[in-house]
């Protein structure tokens, strides 16, 4: 019996030794460095926030200007002119902006003066939106499969290396769940590796407690999305003045974290020469722009927590509805012996 088992193990070893197919590529550390020496050093596309060859996620609460900033970044890359006081290390580069948010008329309105005196974009700036007359292709089981195929076909047809996807929620019906975020990020990562792309993906967040600093945990489906992206940054709303926003670095791999809570970039949203944009306004500490919770606001929030808890909602659901952390809910309930 033991002889038969040993023979079986020997056969398995021989088969494994002769099979060259493996998911791993194994070399010495020095060999990998020698190979890497021949690859170009990644260049900045939007300062230290986004480098060449990265999948980067820009996230924020609704109506804070994600699309405005993303179009501004696309315009910068297409013209080779830096923006927001940040470095751009590439020459004018073709880019496709996949816009699943605005109609062509809404886009026109943003980049004109009451539909006159239109802003003139570079020919390098390509914009894509869903064709309202698209036909159902029987080769694909779902709309998502057709959408992914069309996205890859656009890359091939136009030969671009830089993409912006606005926004991720259109590509997946429920990206807040990890099981749905994972296939999407794998698809984008495969595209990046296959075609040598740089991809900026826009994402929404659940309601954010504006009294607290922005963290990676504010991104919907944060764990999976953060694991698969190379870098990430966020837009926050300043409570110093209407129209002020700030940009904060959340994750980075090609550099040190520069724009953290103590060094955010403050901008003002305004239209300049028919172009709606984030205008650089300086640097500051994030705490200076967070909302201060008054005694009245705190009492109102605490009463709402107690009311929702008495109605049978879980601590996590209360936090989600009120835009606060589950820990805050737990503390308030504990103070009330609940």
C-alpha atoms as a PDB file:
ATOM      1  CA  UNK A   1       0.000   0.000   0.000  1.00  0.00           C
ATOM      2  CA  UNK A   2       2.800   2.418   0.924  1.00  0.00           C
ATOM      3  CA  UNK A   3       4.697   1.507  -2.265  1.00  0.00           C
ATOM      4  CA  UNK A   4       1.661   2.444  -4.379  1.00  0.00           C
ATOM      5  CA  UNK A   5       1.324   5.772  -2.551  1.00  0.00           C
ATOM      6  CA  UNK A   6       5.021   6.541  -3.033  1.00  0.00           C
ATOM      7  CA  UNK A   7       4.756   5.737  -6.744  1.00  0.00           C
ATOM      8  CA  UNK A   8       1.754   8.022  -7.057  1.00  0.00           C
ATOM      9  CA  UNK A   9       3.655  10.878  -5.345  1.00  0.00           C
ATOM     10  CA  UNK A  10       6.624  10.337  -7.685  1.00  0.00           C
ATOM     11  CA  UNK A  11       4.351  10.563 -10.727  1.00  0.00           C
ATOM     12  CA  UNK A  12       2.855  13.814  -9.454  1.00  0.00           C
ATOM     13  CA  UNK A  13       6.331  15.266  -8.914  1.00  0.00           C
ATOM     14  CA  UNK A  14       7.383  14.325 -12.457  1.00  0.00           C
ATOM     15  CA  UNK A  15       4.222  15.883 -13.904  1.00  0.00           C
ATOM     16  CA  UNK A  16       4.710  19.109 -11.948  1.00  0.00           C
ATOM     17  CA  UNK A  17       8.364  19.301 -12.938  1.00  0.00           C
ATOM     18  CA  UNK A  18       7.561  18.921 -16.644  1.00  0.00           C
ATOM     19  CA  UNK A  19       4.656  21.396 -16.645  1.00  0.00           C
ATOM     20  CA  UNK A  20       5.868  24.906 -17.522  1.00  0.00           C
ATOM     21  CA  UNK A  21       2.455  26.526 -17.019  1.00  0.00           C
ATOM     22  CA  UNK A  22       2.295  28.604 -13.813  1.00  0.00           C
ATOM     23  CA  UNK A  23       0.755  31.843 -12.651  1.00  0.00           C
ATOM     24  CA  UNK A  24       4.122  32.852 -11.142  1.00  0.00           C
ATOM     25  CA  UNK A  25       7.204  34.277 -12.800  1.00  0.00           C
ATOM     26  CA  UNK A  26      10.116  33.581 -10.484  1.00  0.00           C
ATOM     27  CA  UNK A  27      13.528  35.217 -10.801  1.00  0.00           C
ATOM     28  CA  UNK A  28      16.084  36.538  -8.350  1.00  0.00           C
ATOM     29  CA  UNK A  29      15.415  39.966  -6.857  1.00  0.00           C
ATOM     30  CA  UNK A  30      18.438  41.317  -8.749  1.00  0.00           C
ATOM     31  CA  UNK A  31      17.075  39.971 -12.052  1.00  0.00           C
ATOM     32  CA  UNK A  32      13.796  41.781 -11.502  1.00  0.00           C
ATOM     33  CA  UNK A  33      15.667  45.010 -10.802  1.00  0.00           C
ATOM     34  CA  UNK A  34      17.713  44.616 -13.994  1.00  0.00           C
ATOM     35  CA  UNK A  35      14.516  44.140 -16.005  1.00  0.00           C
ATOM     36  CA  UNK A  36      12.869  47.107 -14.282  1.00  0.00           C
ATOM     37  CA  UNK A  37      15.847  49.343 -15.160  1.00  0.00           C
ATOM     38  CA  UNK A  38      14.754  49.187 -18.807  1.00  0.00           C
ATOM     39  CA  UNK A  39      11.231  50.337 -18.029  1.00  0.00           C
ATOM     40  CA  UNK A  40      10.490  54.087 -18.048  1.00  0.00           C
ATOM     41  CA  UNK A  41      10.093  55.899 -14.733  1.00  0.00           C
ATOM     42  CA  UNK A  42       6.354  56.678 -14.223  1.00  0.00           C
ATOM     43  CA  UNK A  43       5.548  60.307 -14.966  1.00  0.00           C
ATOM     44  CA  UNK A  44       3.100  62.483 -13.079  1.00  0.00           C
ATOM     45  CA  UNK A  45      -0.297  62.988 -14.706  1.00  0.00           C
ATOM     46  CA  UNK A  46      -1.813  65.019 -11.862  1.00  0.00           C
ATOM     47  CA  UNK A  47       1.045  65.767  -9.514  1.00  0.00           C
ATOM     48  CA  UNK A  48       1.669  63.128  -6.854  1.00  0.00           C
ATOM     49  CA  UNK A  49      -2.007  62.122  -6.955  1.00  0.00           C
ATOM     50  CA  UNK A  50      -1.875  60.100 -10.212  1.00  0.00           C
ATOM     51  CA  UNK A  51       1.094  58.624 -12.101  1.00  0.00           C
ATOM     52  CA  UNK A  52       1.416  56.877 -15.466  1.00  0.00           C
ATOM     53  CA  UNK A  53       0.513  53.195 -15.363  1.00  0.00           C
ATOM     54  CA  UNK A  54      -1.736  53.529 -12.323  1.00  0.00           C
ATOM     55  CA  UNK A  55      -5.366  52.774 -11.651  1.00  0.00           C
ATOM     56  CA  UNK A  56      -6.360  55.745  -9.523  1.00  0.00           C
ATOM     57  CA  UNK A  57      -9.687  56.309  -7.770  1.00  0.00           C
ATOM     58  CA  UNK A  58     -11.118  59.788  -7.198  1.00  0.00           C
ATOM     59  CA  UNK A  59     -14.025  59.719  -4.754  1.00  0.00           C
ATOM     60  CA  UNK A  60     -16.290  62.208  -3.025  1.00  0.00           C
ATOM     61  CA  UNK A  61     -19.841  62.754  -1.846  1.00  0.00           C
ATOM     62  CA  UNK A  62     -22.383  63.787  -4.482  1.00  0.00           C
ATOM     63  CA  UNK A  63     -22.330  67.321  -5.914  1.00  0.00           C
ATOM     64  CA  UNK A  64     -18.817  68.159  -4.746  1.00  0.00           C
ATOM     65  CA  UNK A  65     -17.331  68.441  -8.237  1.00  0.00           C
ATOM     66  CA  UNK A  66     -15.762  65.056  -9.073  1.00  0.00           C
ATOM     67  CA  UNK A  67     -16.677  65.362 -12.752  1.00  0.00           C
ATOM     68  CA  UNK A  68     -15.562  69.002 -12.872  1.00  0.00           C
ATOM     69  CA  UNK A  69     -12.125  68.104 -11.554  1.00  0.00           C
ATOM     70  CA  UNK A  70     -11.877  64.992 -13.739  1.00  0.00           C
ATOM     71  CA  UNK A  71     -12.623  66.942 -16.936  1.00  0.00           C
ATOM     72  CA  UNK A  72     -10.077  69.536 -15.808  1.00  0.00           C
ATOM     73  CA  UNK A  73      -7.454  66.774 -15.382  1.00  0.00           C
ATOM     74  CA  UNK A  74      -8.352  65.330 -18.802  1.00  0.00           C
ATOM     75  CA  UNK A  75      -8.039  68.765 -20.398  1.00  0.00           C
ATOM     76  CA  UNK A  76      -4.648  69.235 -18.732  1.00  0.00           C
ATOM     77  CA  UNK A  77      -3.326  65.896 -20.035  1.00  0.00           C
ATOM     78  CA  UNK A  78      -4.705  66.511 -23.544  1.00  0.00           C
ATOM     79  CA  UNK A  79      -2.989  69.915 -23.785  1.00  0.00           C
ATOM     80  CA  UNK A  80       0.172  69.177 -21.818  1.00  0.00           C
ATOM     81  CA  UNK A  81      -0.545  72.154 -19.530  1.00  0.00           C
ATOM     82  CA  UNK A  82      -0.498  71.516 -15.763  1.00  0.00           C
ATOM     83  CA  UNK A  83      -3.384  72.492 -13.503  1.00  0.00           C
ATOM     84  CA  UNK A  84      -4.150  73.162  -9.806  1.00  0.00           C
ATOM     85  CA  UNK A  85      -0.500  74.017  -9.199  1.00  0.00           C
ATOM     86  CA  UNK A  86       0.501  70.359  -9.689  1.00  0.00           C
ATOM     87  CA  UNK A  87       3.166  68.870 -11.939  1.00  0.00           C
ATOM     88  CA  UNK A  88       2.364  67.313 -15.316  1.00  0.00           C
ATOM     89  CA  UNK A  89       5.365  65.462 -16.730  1.00  0.00           C
ATOM     90  CA  UNK A  90       3.865  64.276 -20.024  1.00  0.00           C
ATOM     91  CA  UNK A  91       3.561  66.024 -23.395  1.00  0.00           C
ATOM     92  CA  UNK A  92       0.063  66.563 -24.863  1.00  0.00           C
ATOM     93  CA  UNK A  93      -1.508  63.096 -24.788  1.00  0.00           C
ATOM     94  CA  UNK A  94      -4.730  61.642 -26.276  1.00  0.00           C
ATOM     95  CA  UNK A  95      -7.280  60.665 -23.634  1.00  0.00           C
ATOM     96  CA  UNK A  96     -10.800  59.194 -23.631  1.00  0.00           C
ATOM     97  CA  UNK A  97     -13.267  60.447 -21.049  1.00  0.00           C
ATOM     98  CA  UNK A  98     -16.071  57.878 -20.607  1.00  0.00           C
ATOM     99  CA  UNK A  99     -18.931  60.054 -19.387  1.00  0.00           C
ATOM    100  CA  UNK A 100     -21.839  58.145 -17.874  1.00  0.00           C
ATOM    101  CA  UNK A 101     -23.065  61.185 -15.951  1.00  0.00           C
ATOM    102  CA  UNK A 102     -23.843  64.080 -18.316  1.00  0.00           C
ATOM    103  CA  UNK A 103     -25.717  64.381 -21.581  1.00  0.00           C
ATOM    104  CA  UNK A 104     -24.035  66.273 -24.420  1.00  0.00           C
ATOM    105  CA  UNK A 105     -26.250  69.297 -23.685  1.00  0.00           C
ATOM    106  CA  UNK A 106     -25.361  69.294 -19.998  1.00  0.00           C
ATOM    107  CA  UNK A 107     -21.688  69.017 -20.931  1.00  0.00           C
ATOM    108  CA  UNK A 108     -22.093  71.942 -23.341  1.00  0.00           C
ATOM    109  CA  UNK A 109     -23.663  74.042 -20.598  1.00  0.00           C
ATOM    110  CA  UNK A 110     -20.725  73.490 -18.267  1.00  0.00           C
ATOM    111  CA  UNK A 111     -18.197  74.578 -20.869  1.00  0.00           C
ATOM    112  CA  UNK A 112     -19.909  77.643 -22.301  1.00  0.00           C
ATOM    113  CA  UNK A 113     -21.491  80.898 -21.189  1.00  0.00           C
ATOM    114  CA  UNK A 114     -25.239  80.209 -21.325  1.00  0.00           C
ATOM    115  CA  UNK A 115     -24.678  78.008 -24.405  1.00  0.00           C
ATOM    116  CA  UNK A 116     -22.578  80.674 -26.153  1.00  0.00           C
ATOM    117  CA  UNK A 117     -18.830  81.395 -26.210  1.00  0.00           C
ATOM    118  CA  UNK A 118     -17.976  77.710 -25.956  1.00  0.00           C
ATOM    119  CA  UNK A 119     -14.679  76.513 -24.540  1.00  0.00           C
ATOM    120  CA  UNK A 120     -12.481  74.901 -27.189  1.00  0.00           C
ATOM    121  CA  UNK A 121     -10.980  71.564 -26.123  1.00  0.00           C
ATOM    122  CA  UNK A 122      -7.875  69.976 -27.633  1.00  0.00           C
ATOM    123  CA  UNK A 123      -8.426  67.380 -30.400  1.00  0.00           C
ATOM    124  CA  UNK A 124      -6.612  65.010 -28.016  1.00  0.00           C
ATOM    125  CA  UNK A 125      -9.641  65.143 -25.683  1.00  0.00           C
ATOM    126  CA  UNK A 126     -12.055  62.389 -26.732  1.00  0.00           C
ATOM    127  CA  UNK A 127     -15.375  62.022 -24.924  1.00  0.00           C
ATOM    128  CA  UNK A 128     -17.545  58.903 -24.947  1.00  0.00           C
ATOM    129  CA  UNK A 129     -21.136  58.487 -23.822  1.00  0.00           C
ATOM    130  CA  UNK A 130     -23.643  55.674 -24.207  1.00  0.00           C
ATOM    131  CA  UNK A 131     -25.263  55.710 -27.645  1.00  0.00           C
ATOM    132  CA  UNK A 132     -29.018  56.056 -26.980  1.00  0.00           C
ATOM    133  CA  UNK A 133     -29.691  54.044 -30.135  1.00  0.00           C
ATOM    134  CA  UNK A 134     -27.333  51.161 -29.281  1.00  0.00           C
ATOM    135  CA  UNK A 135     -28.567  47.771 -30.341  1.00  0.00           C
ATOM    136  CA  UNK A 136     -28.622  44.639 -28.214  1.00  0.00           C
ATOM    137  CA  UNK A 137     -25.752  42.384 -29.226  1.00  0.00           C
ATOM    138  CA  UNK A 138     -26.715  38.705 -28.911  1.00  0.00           C
ATOM    139  CA  UNK A 139     -23.079  37.707 -28.317  1.00  0.00           C
ATOM    140  CA  UNK A 140     -23.283  39.079 -24.782  1.00  0.00           C
ATOM    141  CA  UNK A 141     -25.374  37.731 -21.928  1.00  0.00           C
ATOM    142  CA  UNK A 142     -25.627  41.048 -20.101  1.00  0.00           C
ATOM    143  CA  UNK A 143     -25.401  44.770 -20.782  1.00  0.00           C
ATOM    144  CA  UNK A 144     -22.309  44.887 -18.571  1.00  0.00           C
ATOM    145  CA  UNK A 145     -20.492  42.392 -20.794  1.00  0.00           C
ATOM    146  CA  UNK A 146     -21.344  44.475 -23.871  1.00  0.00           C
ATOM    147  CA  UNK A 147     -20.238  47.624 -22.057  1.00  0.00           C
ATOM    148  CA  UNK A 148     -16.879  46.121 -21.074  1.00  0.00           C
ATOM    149  CA  UNK A 149     -16.326  44.844 -24.617  1.00  0.00           C
ATOM    150  CA  UNK A 150     -17.116  48.280 -26.060  1.00  0.00           C
ATOM    151  CA  UNK A 151     -14.764  49.956 -23.613  1.00  0.00           C
ATOM    152  CA  UNK A 152     -11.878  47.693 -24.647  1.00  0.00           C
ATOM    153  CA  UNK A 153     -12.734  48.152 -28.336  1.00  0.00           C
ATOM    154  CA  UNK A 154     -12.525  51.937 -27.901  1.00  0.00           C
ATOM    155  CA  UNK A 155      -8.998  51.579 -26.509  1.00  0.00           C
ATOM    156  CA  UNK A 156      -7.957  49.526 -29.542  1.00  0.00           C
ATOM    157  CA  UNK A 157      -9.733  51.675 -32.132  1.00  0.00           C
ATOM    158  CA  UNK A 158      -8.302  54.990 -30.893  1.00  0.00           C
ATOM    159  CA  UNK A 159      -4.972  53.767 -29.546  1.00  0.00           C
ATOM    160  CA  UNK A 160      -5.200  55.794 -26.329  1.00  0.00           C
ATOM    161  CA  UNK A 161      -3.189  55.088 -23.199  1.00  0.00           C
ATOM    162  CA  UNK A 162      -5.094  57.277 -20.738  1.00  0.00           C
ATOM    163  CA  UNK A 163      -8.715  56.770 -19.667  1.00  0.00           C
ATOM    164  CA  UNK A 164     -11.102  58.420 -17.244  1.00  0.00           C
ATOM    165  CA  UNK A 165     -14.250  56.522 -16.232  1.00  0.00           C
ATOM    166  CA  UNK A 166     -17.040  58.689 -14.811  1.00  0.00           C
ATOM    167  CA  UNK A 167     -18.270  56.865 -12.827  1.00  0.00           C
ATOM    168  CA  UNK A 168     -17.792  53.357 -11.454  1.00  0.00           C
ATOM    169  CA  UNK A 169     -21.407  52.965 -10.308  1.00  0.00           C
ATOM    170  CA  UNK A 170     -22.536  52.841 -13.937  1.00  0.00           C
ATOM    171  CA  UNK A 171     -20.227  49.931 -14.712  1.00  0.00           C
ATOM    172  CA  UNK A 172     -21.560  47.864 -11.832  1.00  0.00           C
ATOM    173  CA  UNK A 173     -25.073  47.916 -10.486  1.00  0.00           C
ATOM    174  CA  UNK A 174     -24.000  47.454  -6.850  1.00  0.00           C
ATOM    175  CA  UNK A 175     -20.324  48.278  -6.404  1.00  0.00           C
ATOM    176  CA  UNK A 176     -20.762  48.878  -2.677  1.00  0.00           C
ATOM    177  CA  UNK A 177     -20.648  45.100  -2.199  1.00  0.00           C
ATOM    178  CA  UNK A 178     -17.174  43.570  -2.268  1.00  0.00           C
ATOM    179  CA  UNK A 179     -18.276  40.650  -4.449  1.00  0.00           C
ATOM    180  CA  UNK A 180     -19.340  43.100  -7.189  1.00  0.00           C
ATOM    181  CA  UNK A 181     -16.374  45.455  -6.838  1.00  0.00           C
ATOM    182  CA  UNK A 182     -13.825  42.660  -7.229  1.00  0.00           C
ATOM    183  CA  UNK A 183     -14.652  41.588 -10.848  1.00  0.00           C
ATOM    184  CA  UNK A 184     -14.802  45.231 -11.942  1.00  0.00           C
ATOM    185  CA  UNK A 185     -11.407  46.116 -10.516  1.00  0.00           C
ATOM    186  CA  UNK A 186      -9.918  42.911 -11.959  1.00  0.00           C
ATOM    187  CA  UNK A 187     -11.262  43.890 -15.373  1.00  0.00           C
ATOM    188  CA  UNK A 188      -9.740  47.371 -15.164  1.00  0.00           C
ATOM    189  CA  UNK A 189      -6.450  45.973 -13.885  1.00  0.00           C
ATOM    190  CA  UNK A 190      -6.343  43.469 -16.753  1.00  0.00           C
ATOM    191  CA  UNK A 191      -6.945  46.301 -19.230  1.00  0.00           C
ATOM    192  CA  UNK A 192      -4.199  48.360 -17.605  1.00  0.00           C
ATOM    193  CA  UNK A 193      -1.665  45.540 -17.855  1.00  0.00           C
ATOM    194  CA  UNK A 194      -2.737  44.434 -21.327  1.00  0.00           C
ATOM    195  CA  UNK A 195      -2.521  47.863 -22.983  1.00  0.00           C
ATOM    196  CA  UNK A 196      -0.196  49.778 -20.643  1.00  0.00           C
ATOM    197  CA  UNK A 197      -2.935  52.167 -19.551  1.00  0.00           C
ATOM    198  CA  UNK A 198      -3.316  54.881 -16.957  1.00  0.00           C
ATOM    199  CA  UNK A 199      -6.890  54.864 -15.601  1.00  0.00           C
ATOM    200  CA  UNK A 200      -8.694  57.353 -13.375  1.00  0.00           C
ATOM    201  CA  UNK A 201     -11.976  56.016 -11.967  1.00  0.00           C
ATOM    202  CA  UNK A 202     -14.563  58.229 -10.283  1.00  0.00           C
ATOM    203  CA  UNK A 203     -16.635  56.848  -7.413  1.00  0.00           C
ATOM    204  CA  UNK A 204     -19.363  58.077  -5.108  1.00  0.00           C
ATOM    205  CA  UNK A 205     -19.319  57.741  -1.337  1.00  0.00           C
ATOM    206  CA  UNK A 206     -22.136  57.186   1.121  1.00  0.00           C
ATOM    207  CA  UNK A 207     -23.080  60.271   3.118  1.00  0.00           C
ATOM    208  CA  UNK A 208     -19.978  61.523   4.941  1.00  0.00           C
ATOM    209  CA  UNK A 209     -19.833  63.025   8.420  1.00  0.00           C
ATOM    210  CA  UNK A 210     -18.365  66.412   7.505  1.00  0.00           C
ATOM    211  CA  UNK A 211     -17.086  66.882  11.043  1.00  0.00           C
ATOM    212  CA  UNK A 212     -14.425  64.207  10.510  1.00  0.00           C
ATOM    213  CA  UNK A 213     -11.421  63.862   8.162  1.00  0.00           C
ATOM    214  CA  UNK A 214     -11.848  61.852   4.949  1.00  0.00           C
ATOM    215  CA  UNK A 215     -10.315  58.342   5.042  1.00  0.00           C
ATOM    216  CA  UNK A 216     -10.205  55.334   2.724  1.00  0.00           C
ATOM    217  CA  UNK A 217     -13.138  53.878   4.671  1.00  0.00           C
ATOM    218  CA  UNK A 218     -15.446  56.511   3.153  1.00  0.00           C
ATOM    219  CA  UNK A 219     -15.152  54.905  -0.302  1.00  0.00           C
ATOM    220  CA  UNK A 220     -18.026  52.568  -1.161  1.00  0.00           C
ATOM    221  CA  UNK A 221     -16.741  48.994  -1.254  1.00  0.00           C
ATOM    222  CA  UNK A 222     -13.548  50.471   0.209  1.00  0.00           C
ATOM    223  CA  UNK A 223     -11.576  47.341   1.045  1.00  0.00           C
ATOM    224  CA  UNK A 224     -11.734  45.681  -2.373  1.00  0.00           C
ATOM    225  CA  UNK A 225     -11.483  48.894  -4.354  1.00  0.00           C
ATOM    226  CA  UNK A 226      -8.515  50.139  -2.339  1.00  0.00           C
ATOM    227  CA  UNK A 227      -6.733  46.799  -2.652  1.00  0.00           C
ATOM    228  CA  UNK A 228      -6.891  46.869  -6.440  1.00  0.00           C
ATOM    229  CA  UNK A 229      -6.129  50.522  -7.090  1.00  0.00           C
ATOM    230  CA  UNK A 230      -2.606  51.935  -7.115  1.00  0.00           C
ATOM    231  CA  UNK A 231      -3.538  55.355  -5.815  1.00  0.00           C
ATOM    232  CA  UNK A 232      -6.534  57.305  -4.618  1.00  0.00           C
ATOM    233  CA  UNK A 233      -7.529  60.844  -3.676  1.00  0.00           C
ATOM    234  CA  UNK A 234     -10.704  62.515  -2.498  1.00  0.00           C
ATOM    235  CA  UNK A 235     -12.563  65.816  -2.652  1.00  0.00           C
ATOM    236  CA  UNK A 236     -13.917  67.303   0.555  1.00  0.00           C
ATOM    237  CA  UNK A 237     -16.286  70.211   1.118  1.00  0.00           C
ATOM    238  CA  UNK A 238     -14.900  73.176   3.016  1.00  0.00           C
ATOM    239  CA  UNK A 239     -17.182  74.749   5.595  1.00  0.00           C
ATOM    240  CA  UNK A 240     -15.210  77.982   5.638  1.00  0.00           C
ATOM    241  CA  UNK A 241     -16.940  79.365   2.588  1.00  0.00           C
ATOM    242  CA  UNK A 242     -19.466  78.286  -0.087  1.00  0.00           C
ATOM    243  CA  UNK A 243     -17.735  77.029  -3.219  1.00  0.00           C
ATOM    244  CA  UNK A 244     -14.505  75.993  -1.504  1.00  0.00           C
ATOM    245  CA  UNK A 245     -13.317  72.398  -1.896  1.00  0.00           C
ATOM    246  CA  UNK A 246     -10.196  70.570  -0.831  1.00  0.00           C
ATOM    247  CA  UNK A 247      -8.236  67.691  -2.378  1.00  0.00           C
ATOM    248  CA  UNK A 248      -6.639  65.061  -0.143  1.00  0.00           C
ATOM    249  CA  UNK A 249      -4.290  62.185  -0.935  1.00  0.00           C
ATOM    250  CA  UNK A 250      -5.650  58.855   0.352  1.00  0.00           C
ATOM    251  CA  UNK A 251      -3.365  56.149  -1.114  1.00  0.00           C
ATOM    252  CA  UNK A 252      -0.093  56.230  -3.060  1.00  0.00           C
ATOM    253  CA  UNK A 253       2.558  53.767  -4.249  1.00  0.00           C
ATOM    254  CA  UNK A 254       4.921  55.795  -6.426  1.00  0.00           C
ATOM    255  CA  UNK A 255       5.707  58.504  -3.868  1.00  0.00           C
ATOM    256  CA  UNK A 256       5.393  59.516  -0.248  1.00  0.00           C
ATOM    257  CA  UNK A 257       2.103  60.899   1.016  1.00  0.00           C
ATOM    258  CA  UNK A 258       2.419  64.637   0.524  1.00  0.00           C
ATOM    259  CA  UNK A 259      -1.140  65.967   0.609  1.00  0.00           C
ATOM    260  CA  UNK A 260      -2.320  64.485   3.896  1.00  0.00           C
ATOM    261  CA  UNK A 261      -4.556  66.000   6.601  1.00  0.00           C
ATOM    262  CA  UNK A 262      -1.923  68.623   7.389  1.00  0.00           C
ATOM    263  CA  UNK A 263      -1.362  69.654   3.764  1.00  0.00           C
ATOM    264  CA  UNK A 264      -4.564  69.550   1.722  1.00  0.00           C
ATOM    265  CA  UNK A 265      -4.966  71.525  -1.509  1.00  0.00           C
ATOM    266  CA  UNK A 266      -7.739  74.123  -1.239  1.00  0.00           C
ATOM    267  CA  UNK A 267      -9.587  75.125  -4.421  1.00  0.00           C
ATOM    268  CA  UNK A 268     -12.531  77.242  -5.454  1.00  0.00           C
ATOM    269  CA  UNK A 269     -15.035  76.069  -8.094  1.00  0.00           C
ATOM    270  CA  UNK A 270     -15.532  78.816 -10.656  1.00  0.00           C
ATOM    271  CA  UNK A 271     -15.989  79.326 -14.373  1.00  0.00           C
ATOM    272  CA  UNK A 272     -13.049  80.968 -16.137  1.00  0.00           C
ATOM    273  CA  UNK A 273     -13.305  81.764 -19.862  1.00  0.00           C
ATOM    274  CA  UNK A 274     -16.229  79.344 -20.274  1.00  0.00           C
ATOM    275  CA  UNK A 275     -14.354  76.550 -18.453  1.00  0.00           C
ATOM    276  CA  UNK A 276     -15.771  75.269 -15.158  1.00  0.00           C
ATOM    277  CA  UNK A 277     -12.802  74.423 -12.957  1.00  0.00           C
ATOM    278  CA  UNK A 278     -11.124  73.996  -9.582  1.00  0.00           C
ATOM    279  CA  UNK A 279      -8.979  77.122  -9.136  1.00  0.00           C
ATOM    280  CA  UNK A 280      -5.994  76.661  -6.828  1.00  0.00           C
ATOM    281  CA  UNK A 281      -6.424  78.589  -3.570  1.00  0.00           C
ATOM    282  CA  UNK A 282      -3.465  77.395  -1.473  1.00  0.00           C
ATOM    283  CA  UNK A 283      -2.662  74.738   1.135  1.00  0.00           C
ATOM    284  CA  UNK A 284      -4.131  74.199   4.580  1.00  0.00           C
ATOM    285  CA  UNK A 285      -4.907  71.748   7.369  1.00  0.00           C
ATOM    286  CA  UNK A 286      -8.039  69.637   6.861  1.00  0.00           C
ATOM    287  CA  UNK A 287      -9.245  70.446  10.379  1.00  0.00           C
ATOM    288  CA  UNK A 288      -9.597  74.095   9.385  1.00  0.00           C
ATOM    289  CA  UNK A 289     -12.250  73.121   6.822  1.00  0.00           C
ATOM    290  CA  UNK A 290     -14.288  70.549   8.745  1.00  0.00           C
ATOM    291  CA  UNK A 291     -17.724  71.359  10.102  1.00  0.00           C
ATOM    292  CA  UNK A 292     -17.867  72.171  13.807  1.00  0.00           C
ATOM    293  CA  UNK A 293     -20.744  70.418  15.487  1.00  0.00           C
ATOM    294  CA  UNK A 294     -22.673  72.859  17.678  1.00  0.00           C
ATOM    295  CA  UNK A 295     -24.298  71.771  20.938  1.00  0.00           C
ATOM    296  CA  UNK A 296     -27.705  72.031  19.275  1.00  0.00           C
ATOM    297  CA  UNK A 297     -26.586  69.934  16.288  1.00  0.00           C
ATOM    298  CA  UNK A 298     -25.058  67.316  18.585  1.00  0.00           C
ATOM    299  CA  UNK A 299     -28.232  67.073  20.678  1.00  0.00           C
ATOM    300  CA  UNK A 300     -30.347  66.750  17.547  1.00  0.00           C
ATOM    301  CA  UNK A 301     -28.039  64.025  16.186  1.00  0.00           C
ATOM    302  CA  UNK A 302     -28.095  62.123  19.498  1.00  0.00           C
ATOM    303  CA  UNK A 303     -31.894  62.278  19.658  1.00  0.00           C
ATOM    304  CA  UNK A 304     -32.098  60.906  16.126  1.00  0.00           C
ATOM    305  CA  UNK A 305     -29.756  58.044  17.054  1.00  0.00           C
ATOM    306  CA  UNK A 306     -31.964  57.093  20.000  1.00  0.00           C
ATOM    307  CA  UNK A 307     -35.111  57.341  17.901  1.00  0.00           C
ATOM    308  CA  UNK A 308     -33.733  55.097  15.133  1.00  0.00           C
ATOM    309  CA  UNK A 309     -32.413  52.588  17.666  1.00  0.00           C
ATOM    310  CA  UNK A 310     -35.812  52.385  19.357  1.00  0.00           C
ATOM    311  CA  UNK A 311     -37.326  51.742  15.916  1.00  0.00           C
ATOM    312  CA  UNK A 312     -35.192  48.631  15.630  1.00  0.00           C
ATOM    313  CA  UNK A 313     -32.400  49.798  13.327  1.00  0.00           C
ATOM    314  CA  UNK A 314     -28.932  48.310  13.783  1.00  0.00           C
ATOM    315  CA  UNK A 315     -25.977  50.477  14.822  1.00  0.00           C
ATOM    316  CA  UNK A 316     -24.416  50.170  11.377  1.00  0.00           C
ATOM    317  CA  UNK A 317     -27.663  51.139   9.636  1.00  0.00           C
ATOM    318  CA  UNK A 318     -28.082  54.155  11.928  1.00  0.00           C
ATOM    319  CA  UNK A 319     -24.556  55.247  11.084  1.00  0.00           C
ATOM    320  CA  UNK A 320     -25.201  54.851   7.363  1.00  0.00           C
ATOM    321  CA  UNK A 321     -28.421  56.882   7.479  1.00  0.00           C
ATOM    322  CA  UNK A 322     -26.898  59.718   9.520  1.00  0.00           C
ATOM    323  CA  UNK A 323     -23.515  59.724   7.790  1.00  0.00           C
ATOM    324  CA  UNK A 324     -21.600  58.944  10.989  1.00  0.00           C
ATOM    325  CA  UNK A 325     -19.446  56.024  12.101  1.00  0.00           C
ATOM    326  CA  UNK A 326     -20.863  52.993  13.857  1.00  0.00           C
ATOM    327  CA  UNK A 327     -18.458  53.769  16.720  1.00  0.00           C
ATOM    328  CA  UNK A 328     -20.092  57.155  17.274  1.00  0.00           C
ATOM    329  CA  UNK A 329     -23.511  55.489  17.400  1.00  0.00           C
ATOM    330  CA  UNK A 330     -22.215  52.951  19.903  1.00  0.00           C
ATOM    331  CA  UNK A 331     -20.788  55.684  22.175  1.00  0.00           C
ATOM    332  CA  UNK A 332     -24.045  57.664  22.228  1.00  0.00           C
ATOM    333  CA  UNK A 333     -26.094  54.550  22.970  1.00  0.00           C
ATOM    334  CA  UNK A 334     -23.701  53.546  25.737  1.00  0.00           C
ATOM    335  CA  UNK A 335     -24.017  56.974  27.352  1.00  0.00           C
ATOM    336  CA  UNK A 336     -27.773  56.359  27.404  1.00  0.00           C
ATOM    337  CA  UNK A 337     -27.314  52.854  28.903  1.00  0.00           C
ATOM    338  CA  UNK A 338     -28.453  51.196  25.685  1.00  0.00           C
END
